C-alpha atoms as a PDB file:
ATOM      1  CA  MET A   1     131.360 182.899 159.919  1.00  0.00           C
ATOM      2  CA  LEU A   2     134.709 184.475 161.044  1.00  0.00           C
ATOM      3  CA  LEU A   3     135.715 187.527 160.029  1.00  0.00           C
ATOM      4  CA  THR A   4     139.478 188.590 160.496  1.00  0.00           C
ATOM      5  CA  LEU A   5     141.136 192.232 161.061  1.00  0.00           C
ATOM      6  CA  ASP A   6     143.851 193.061 158.441  1.00  0.00           C
ATOM      7  CA  ALA A   7     146.944 195.069 159.356  1.00  0.00           C
ATOM      8  CA  LYS A   8     144.959 198.583 158.960  1.00  0.00           C
ATOM      9  CA  ARG A   9     142.099 197.202 161.325  1.00  0.00           C
ATOM     10  CA  ARG A  10     139.480 196.918 158.577  1.00  0.00           C
ATOM     11  CA  LEU A  11     136.892 193.956 158.211  1.00  0.00           C
ATOM     12  CA  THR A  12     135.813 192.438 154.822  1.00  0.00           C
ATOM     13  CA  VAL A  13     132.218 191.314 154.989  1.00  0.00           C
ATOM     14  CA  PRO A  14     131.741 188.705 152.172  1.00  0.00           C
ATOM     15  CA  ALA A  15     129.057 189.399 149.802  1.00  0.00           C
ATOM     16  CA  SER A  16     127.253 186.222 150.510  1.00  0.00           C
ATOM     17  CA  LEU A  17     126.645 187.365 154.210  1.00  0.00           C
ATOM     18  CA  VAL A  18     124.690 190.436 153.389  1.00  0.00           C
ATOM     19  CA  PRO A  19     123.575 191.856 150.455  1.00  0.00           C
ATOM     20  CA  ALA A  20     125.080 195.522 150.303  1.00  0.00           C
ATOM     21  CA  ARG A  21     126.867 197.680 147.763  1.00  0.00           C
ATOM     22  CA  ALA A  22     129.997 199.945 147.884  1.00  0.00           C
ATOM     23  CA  GLY A  23     128.997 203.314 149.629  1.00  0.00           C
ATOM     24  CA  ASP A  24     126.036 201.899 151.667  1.00  0.00           C
ATOM     25  CA  ALA A  25     126.329 203.239 155.085  1.00  0.00           C
ATOM     26  CA  PHE A  26     126.105 201.530 158.561  1.00  0.00           C
ATOM     27  CA  ASP A  27     126.041 202.600 162.065  1.00  0.00           C
ATOM     28  CA  ALA A  28     128.542 200.550 163.958  1.00  0.00           C
ATOM     29  CA  TYR A  29     128.834 200.326 167.826  1.00  0.00           C
ATOM     30  CA  TYR A  30     130.783 197.734 170.227  1.00  0.00           C
ATOM     31  CA  ASP A  31     128.293 196.046 172.915  1.00  0.00           C
ATOM     32  CA  THR A  32     130.563 195.699 175.657  1.00  0.00           C
ATOM     33  CA  PRO A  33     128.370 192.955 177.833  1.00  0.00           C
ATOM     34  CA  GLU A  34     128.056 190.897 174.585  1.00  0.00           C
ATOM     35  CA  ASP A  35     131.768 191.485 173.248  1.00  0.00           C
ATOM     36  CA  GLU A  36     130.393 192.135 169.945  1.00  0.00           C
ATOM     37  CA  ILE A  37     130.454 194.531 167.182  1.00  0.00           C
ATOM     38  CA  VAL A  38     127.005 195.588 165.793  1.00  0.00           C
ATOM     39  CA  LEU A  39     126.373 196.987 162.312  1.00  0.00           C
ATOM     40  CA  ARG A  40     122.953 198.556 161.289  1.00  0.00           C
ATOM     41  CA  ARG A  41     122.301 199.565 157.942  1.00  0.00           C
ATOM     42  CA  VAL A  42     121.487 203.382 157.810  1.00  0.00           C
ATOM     43  CA  THR A  43     119.269 205.076 154.962  1.00  0.00           C
ATOM     44  CA  ARG A  44     121.112 207.560 152.759  1.00  0.00           C
ATOM     45  CA  ARG A  45     118.098 209.918 152.124  1.00  0.00           C
ATOM     46  CA  SER A  46     117.053 210.837 155.428  1.00  0.00           C
ATOM     47  CA  ASN A  47     114.483 213.573 155.774  1.00  0.00           C
ATOM     48  CA  TRP A  48     116.079 216.733 157.357  1.00  0.00           C
ATOM     49  CA  LEU A  49     112.864 217.756 158.784  1.00  0.00           C
ATOM     50  CA  GLU A  50     112.367 214.723 160.844  1.00  0.00           C
ATOM     51  CA  VAL A  51     116.055 214.744 162.176  1.00  0.00           C
ATOM     52  CA  TRP A  52     115.236 218.473 162.946  1.00  0.00           C
ATOM     53  CA  LYS A  53     112.203 217.443 165.097  1.00  0.00           C
ATOM     54  CA  GLN A  54     114.373 214.990 166.922  1.00  0.00           C
ATOM     55  CA  CYS A  55     116.591 217.752 168.061  1.00  0.00           C
ATOM     56  CA  PRO A  56     116.514 217.400 172.188  1.00  0.00           C
ATOM     57  CA  VAL A  57     117.104 221.148 172.234  1.00  0.00           C
ATOM     58  CA  PRO A  58     114.024 223.501 171.341  1.00  0.00           C
ATOM     59  CA  MET A  59     115.018 226.095 168.532  1.00  0.00           C
ATOM     60  CA  ASP A  60     113.712 229.026 170.456  1.00  0.00           C
ATOM     61  CA  ASP A  61     116.880 228.525 173.072  1.00  0.00           C
ATOM     62  CA  LEU A  62     119.158 229.266 170.354  1.00  0.00           C
ATOM     63  CA  PRO A  63     120.977 232.724 170.784  1.00  0.00           C
ATOM     64  CA  PRO A  64     120.426 235.291 167.874  1.00  0.00           C
ATOM     65  CA  ARG A  65     122.698 235.115 165.190  1.00  0.00           C
ATOM     66  CA  ARG A  66     125.045 238.315 164.444  1.00  0.00           C
ATOM     67  CA  ARG A  67     123.960 240.224 161.409  1.00  0.00           C
ATOM     68  CA  GLN A  68     127.663 241.760 161.039  1.00  0.00           C
ATOM     69  CA  MET A  69     130.690 239.742 159.648  1.00  0.00           C
ATOM     70  CA  PRO A  70     133.289 238.841 162.227  1.00  0.00           C
ATOM     71  CA  LYS A  71     136.237 241.073 162.592  1.00  0.00           C
ATOM     72  CA  LYS A  72     139.691 239.677 161.550  1.00  0.00           C
ATOM     73  CA  LEU A  73     141.889 238.667 164.643  1.00  0.00           C
ATOM     74  CA  LYS A  74     145.463 240.503 164.569  1.00  0.00           C
ATOM     75  CA  LEU A  75     147.987 238.092 165.435  1.00  0.00           C
END
């Protein structure tokens, strides 16, 4: 199936091609060697704890937070 970009550089995917609803989220990237756009469905309800565990930076290395409110800058 061929899809064409409109004037605002949008693609419209026909309903017969993939079962999707309005508001579904997709991860899109361009594969240079294959010269293609790849769309992968992303689940909306992600477990924040699993995302936090995948963080490459250990939380022990974060600087401590300040307890006082920031001062206003005089311009």
